[in-house]
Amino acid sequence: MKRKVITMGILHSNKFNYFKYPPQKYSGDIINDINKAKIYESALDESIDLTINYFNEIKNYLKKTQSNLFNINYDWNEKYYNDFQVHESFNNYIEDKNNKLENMYKELNDKYNNLASVFNEVVDKVAWWIPFKKFMENFRNKFRIVI
């Protein structure tokens, strides 16, 4: 899921050896294990696809079972509507994460701008003590942060 995974503790099972995306086994040196661990970029997309396919299989099985027991036929529109709802729920989840990231970026940008303005004020106060205008401007230009 786009994360490095390290299995902790003593493993009494060999099931991890057969995973499509095997985790890094803990060797006692956590830094070395973190460096060796792999990030599988496609695992999240694959997991979402498998979850949607599984959901559709279960839904279709239940529809077939119910229609066989009660002789009920479903309209094709319902299938597309349910698929659309699943797709929309994943999109809403991703949009929520993006909104949180945008808010964090705005907060960090505001903090950076505040720090830069305070730093520029300090540079101006220090530059005031430099006697020659040419050196004063060079000092300001060298240390000023452009916001």
C-alpha atoms as a PDB file:
ATOM      1  CA  MET A   1       0.000   0.000   0.000  1.00  0.00           C
ATOM      2  CA  LYS A   2       2.913   2.305  -0.837  1.00  0.00           C
ATOM      3  CA  ARG A   3       4.578   1.698   2.517  1.00  0.00           C
ATOM      4  CA  LYS A   4       7.635  -0.234   3.605  1.00  0.00           C
ATOM      5  CA  VAL A   5       6.662  -3.304   5.639  1.00  0.00           C
ATOM      6  CA  ILE A   6       8.858  -5.095   8.161  1.00  0.00           C
ATOM      7  CA  THR A   7       7.600  -8.150  10.029  1.00  0.00           C
ATOM      8  CA  MET A   8       8.535  -7.992  13.696  1.00  0.00           C
ATOM      9  CA  GLY A   9       9.111 -10.880  16.062  1.00  0.00           C
ATOM     10  CA  ILE A  10       9.857 -14.512  15.399  1.00  0.00           C
ATOM     11  CA  LEU A  11       7.800 -15.926  12.566  1.00  0.00           C
ATOM     12  CA  HIS A  12       6.648 -19.522  12.988  1.00  0.00           C
ATOM     13  CA  SER A  13       4.970 -19.559   9.614  1.00  0.00           C
ATOM     14  CA  ASN A  14       6.253 -19.629   6.085  1.00  0.00           C
ATOM     15  CA  LYS A  15       3.133 -17.940   4.641  1.00  0.00           C
ATOM     16  CA  PHE A  16       5.064 -14.712   4.091  1.00  0.00           C
ATOM     17  CA  ASN A  17       7.333 -16.536   1.640  1.00  0.00           C
ATOM     18  CA  TYR A  18       4.395 -16.993  -0.761  1.00  0.00           C
ATOM     19  CA  PHE A  19       3.011 -13.425  -0.711  1.00  0.00           C
ATOM     20  CA  LYS A  20       2.942 -11.559  -3.998  1.00  0.00           C
ATOM     21  CA  TYR A  21       4.526  -8.588  -2.220  1.00  0.00           C
ATOM     22  CA  PRO A  22       6.667 -10.122   0.553  1.00  0.00           C
ATOM     23  CA  PRO A  23       7.552  -7.970   3.571  1.00  0.00           C
ATOM     24  CA  GLN A  24      11.095  -7.491   4.864  1.00  0.00           C
ATOM     25  CA  LYS A  25      11.881  -9.804   7.791  1.00  0.00           C
ATOM     26  CA  TYR A  26      13.205  -8.149  10.934  1.00  0.00           C
ATOM     27  CA  SER A  27      16.877  -9.068  11.326  1.00  0.00           C
ATOM     28  CA  GLY A  28      17.675  -7.129  14.497  1.00  0.00           C
ATOM     29  CA  ASP A  29      19.022  -4.049  12.699  1.00  0.00           C
ATOM     30  CA  ILE A  30      15.962  -1.877  12.017  1.00  0.00           C
ATOM     31  CA  ILE A  31      17.816   0.770   9.974  1.00  0.00           C
ATOM     32  CA  ASN A  32      19.265  -1.849   7.651  1.00  0.00           C
ATOM     33  CA  ASP A  33      15.838  -3.504   7.361  1.00  0.00           C
ATOM     34  CA  ILE A  34      14.182  -0.178   6.487  1.00  0.00           C
ATOM     35  CA  ASN A  35      16.767   0.395   3.760  1.00  0.00           C
ATOM     36  CA  LYS A  36      16.226  -3.120   2.359  1.00  0.00           C
ATOM     37  CA  ALA A  37      12.401  -2.960   2.474  1.00  0.00           C
ATOM     38  CA  LYS A  38      10.662  -2.383  -0.842  1.00  0.00           C
ATOM     39  CA  ILE A  39       7.755  -0.083  -1.661  1.00  0.00           C
ATOM     40  CA  TYR A  40       5.319  -1.767  -4.023  1.00  0.00           C
ATOM     41  CA  GLU A  41       3.724   1.084  -5.992  1.00  0.00           C
ATOM     42  CA  SER A  42       1.002  -0.949  -7.710  1.00  0.00           C
ATOM     43  CA  ALA A  43      -0.233  -2.787  -4.603  1.00  0.00           C
ATOM     44  CA  LEU A  44      -2.859  -0.176  -3.635  1.00  0.00           C
ATOM     45  CA  ASP A  45      -4.398   0.005  -7.113  1.00  0.00           C
ATOM     46  CA  GLU A  46      -4.439  -3.753  -7.360  1.00  0.00           C
ATOM     47  CA  SER A  47      -6.075  -4.035  -3.940  1.00  0.00           C
ATOM     48  CA  ILE A  48      -8.798  -1.550  -4.897  1.00  0.00           C
ATOM     49  CA  ASP A  49      -9.497  -3.443  -8.132  1.00  0.00           C
ATOM     50  CA  LEU A  50      -9.656  -6.779  -6.325  1.00  0.00           C
ATOM     51  CA  THR A  51     -11.985  -5.344  -3.667  1.00  0.00           C
ATOM     52  CA  ILE A  52     -14.371  -3.944  -6.285  1.00  0.00           C
ATOM     53  CA  ASN A  53     -14.329  -7.237  -8.215  1.00  0.00           C
ATOM     54  CA  TYR A  54     -14.996  -9.216  -5.033  1.00  0.00           C
ATOM     55  CA  PHE A  55     -17.837  -6.868  -4.115  1.00  0.00           C
ATOM     56  CA  ASN A  56     -19.389  -7.333  -7.571  1.00  0.00           C
ATOM     57  CA  GLU A  57     -19.041 -11.137  -7.375  1.00  0.00           C
ATOM     58  CA  ILE A  58     -20.792 -11.271  -3.993  1.00  0.00           C
ATOM     59  CA  LYS A  59     -23.501  -8.865  -5.174  1.00  0.00           C
ATOM     60  CA  ASN A  60     -24.127 -10.926  -8.323  1.00  0.00           C
ATOM     61  CA  TYR A  61     -24.202 -14.171  -6.330  1.00  0.00           C
ATOM     62  CA  LEU A  62     -26.767 -12.708  -3.927  1.00  0.00           C
ATOM     63  CA  LYS A  63     -28.881 -11.408  -6.810  1.00  0.00           C
ATOM     64  CA  LYS A  64     -28.843 -14.810  -8.526  1.00  0.00           C
ATOM     65  CA  THR A  65     -29.718 -16.592  -5.290  1.00  0.00           C
ATOM     66  CA  GLN A  66     -32.521 -14.170  -4.499  1.00  0.00           C
ATOM     67  CA  SER A  67     -33.902 -14.217  -8.034  1.00  0.00           C
ATOM     68  CA  ASN A  68     -33.872 -18.045  -8.028  1.00  0.00           C
ATOM     69  CA  LEU A  69     -35.667 -18.219  -4.689  1.00  0.00           C
ATOM     70  CA  PHE A  70     -38.218 -15.465  -5.245  1.00  0.00           C
ATOM     71  CA  ASN A  71     -38.294 -15.138  -9.056  1.00  0.00           C
ATOM     72  CA  ILE A  72     -37.194 -11.499  -8.893  1.00  0.00           C
ATOM     73  CA  ASN A  73     -35.484  -9.892 -11.870  1.00  0.00           C
ATOM     74  CA  TYR A  74     -33.263  -6.857 -11.419  1.00  0.00           C
ATOM     75  CA  ASP A  75     -32.918  -4.003 -13.824  1.00  0.00           C
ATOM     76  CA  TRP A  76     -29.503  -3.349 -15.412  1.00  0.00           C
ATOM     77  CA  ASN A  77     -29.627   0.217 -14.102  1.00  0.00           C
ATOM     78  CA  GLU A  78     -29.275  -1.019 -10.537  1.00  0.00           C
ATOM     79  CA  LYS A  79     -26.013  -2.801 -11.340  1.00  0.00           C
ATOM     80  CA  TYR A  80     -24.521   0.327 -12.874  1.00  0.00           C
ATOM     81  CA  TYR A  81     -25.848   2.456 -10.033  1.00  0.00           C
ATOM     82  CA  ASN A  82     -24.229   0.195  -7.399  1.00  0.00           C
ATOM     83  CA  ASP A  83     -20.932   0.141  -9.304  1.00  0.00           C
ATOM     84  CA  PHE A  84     -21.105   3.908  -9.544  1.00  0.00           C
ATOM     85  CA  GLN A  85     -21.668   4.158  -5.773  1.00  0.00           C
ATOM     86  CA  VAL A  86     -18.576   2.031  -5.067  1.00  0.00           C
ATOM     87  CA  HIS A  87     -16.536   4.115  -7.504  1.00  0.00           C
ATOM     88  CA  GLU A  88     -17.828   7.356  -5.933  1.00  0.00           C
ATOM     89  CA  SER A  89     -16.996   6.185  -2.412  1.00  0.00           C
ATOM     90  CA  PHE A  90     -13.381   5.525  -3.453  1.00  0.00           C
ATOM     91  CA  ASN A  91     -13.245   8.912  -5.195  1.00  0.00           C
ATOM     92  CA  ASN A  92     -14.609  10.630  -2.080  1.00  0.00           C
ATOM     93  CA  TYR A  93     -11.978   8.901   0.036  1.00  0.00           C
ATOM     94  CA  ILE A  94      -9.205  10.082  -2.301  1.00  0.00           C
ATOM     95  CA  GLU A  95     -10.640  13.635  -2.465  1.00  0.00           C
ATOM     96  CA  ASP A  96     -10.746  13.764   1.343  1.00  0.00           C
ATOM     97  CA  LYS A  97      -7.062  12.782   1.510  1.00  0.00           C
ATOM     98  CA  ASN A  98      -6.202  15.411  -1.122  1.00  0.00           C
ATOM     99  CA  ASN A  99      -8.103  18.102   0.801  1.00  0.00           C
ATOM    100  CA  LYS A 100      -6.215  17.236   3.979  1.00  0.00           C
ATOM    101  CA  LEU A 101      -2.908  17.420   2.123  1.00  0.00           C
ATOM    102  CA  GLU A 102      -3.851  20.792   0.619  1.00  0.00           C
ATOM    103  CA  ASN A 103      -4.724  22.137   4.070  1.00  0.00           C
ATOM    104  CA  MET A 104      -1.422  20.889   5.466  1.00  0.00           C
ATOM    105  CA  TYR A 105       0.419  22.519   2.549  1.00  0.00           C
ATOM    106  CA  LYS A 106      -1.361  25.840   3.165  1.00  0.00           C
ATOM    107  CA  GLU A 107      -0.507  25.718   6.889  1.00  0.00           C
ATOM    108  CA  LEU A 108       3.153  24.955   6.166  1.00  0.00           C
ATOM    109  CA  ASN A 109       3.289  27.691   3.543  1.00  0.00           C
ATOM    110  CA  ASP A 110       1.841  30.221   6.006  1.00  0.00           C
ATOM    111  CA  LYS A 111       4.369  29.191   8.660  1.00  0.00           C
ATOM    112  CA  TYR A 112       7.193  29.481   6.130  1.00  0.00           C
ATOM    113  CA  ASN A 113       6.050  32.966   5.102  1.00  0.00           C
ATOM    114  CA  ASN A 114       5.873  34.058   8.755  1.00  0.00           C
ATOM    115  CA  LEU A 115       9.365  32.733   9.459  1.00  0.00           C
ATOM    116  CA  ALA A 116      10.732  34.344   6.292  1.00  0.00           C
ATOM    117  CA  SER A 117       9.273  37.733   7.212  1.00  0.00           C
ATOM    118  CA  VAL A 118      10.731  37.533  10.736  1.00  0.00           C
ATOM    119  CA  PHE A 119      14.112  36.530   9.279  1.00  0.00           C
ATOM    120  CA  ASN A 120      13.982  39.431   6.802  1.00  0.00           C
ATOM    121  CA  GLU A 121      13.250  41.835   9.653  1.00  0.00           C
ATOM    122  CA  VAL A 122      16.294  40.533  11.537  1.00  0.00           C
ATOM    123  CA  VAL A 123      18.435  40.928   8.404  1.00  0.00           C
ATOM    124  CA  ASP A 124      17.204  44.527   8.009  1.00  0.00           C
ATOM    125  CA  LYS A 125      18.015  45.323  11.651  1.00  0.00           C
ATOM    126  CA  VAL A 126      21.504  43.857  11.356  1.00  0.00           C
ATOM    127  CA  ALA A 127      22.113  45.596   8.019  1.00  0.00           C
ATOM    128  CA  TRP A 128      21.223  48.934   9.597  1.00  0.00           C
ATOM    129  CA  TRP A 129      24.504  48.751  11.535  1.00  0.00           C
ATOM    130  CA  ILE A 130      26.641  48.425   8.376  1.00  0.00           C
ATOM    131  CA  PRO A 131      28.083  51.898   7.685  1.00  0.00           C
ATOM    132  CA  PHE A 132      28.337  51.873   3.873  1.00  0.00           C
ATOM    133  CA  LYS A 133      25.169  51.672   1.757  1.00  0.00           C
ATOM    134  CA  LYS A 134      26.821  49.470  -0.880  1.00  0.00           C
ATOM    135  CA  PHE A 135      27.829  46.857   1.732  1.00  0.00           C
ATOM    136  CA  MET A 136      24.468  47.182   3.463  1.00  0.00           C
ATOM    137  CA  GLU A 137      22.573  46.380   0.239  1.00  0.00           C
ATOM    138  CA  ASN A 138      24.910  43.493  -0.582  1.00  0.00           C
ATOM    139  CA  PHE A 139      24.338  42.071   2.894  1.00  0.00           C
ATOM    140  CA  ARG A 140      20.550  42.409   2.549  1.00  0.00           C
ATOM    141  CA  ASN A 141      20.528  40.852  -0.925  1.00  0.00           C
ATOM    142  CA  LYS A 142      22.690  37.939   0.197  1.00  0.00           C
ATOM    143  CA  PHE A 143      20.594  36.998   3.239  1.00  0.00           C
ATOM    144  CA  ARG A 144      17.094  38.162   2.287  1.00  0.00           C
ATOM    145  CA  ILE A 145      14.501  35.444   1.712  1.00  0.00           C
ATOM    146  CA  VAL A 146      12.168  36.137  -1.187  1.00  0.00           C
ATOM    147  CA  ILE A 147       8.613  35.226  -0.241  1.00  0.00           C
END
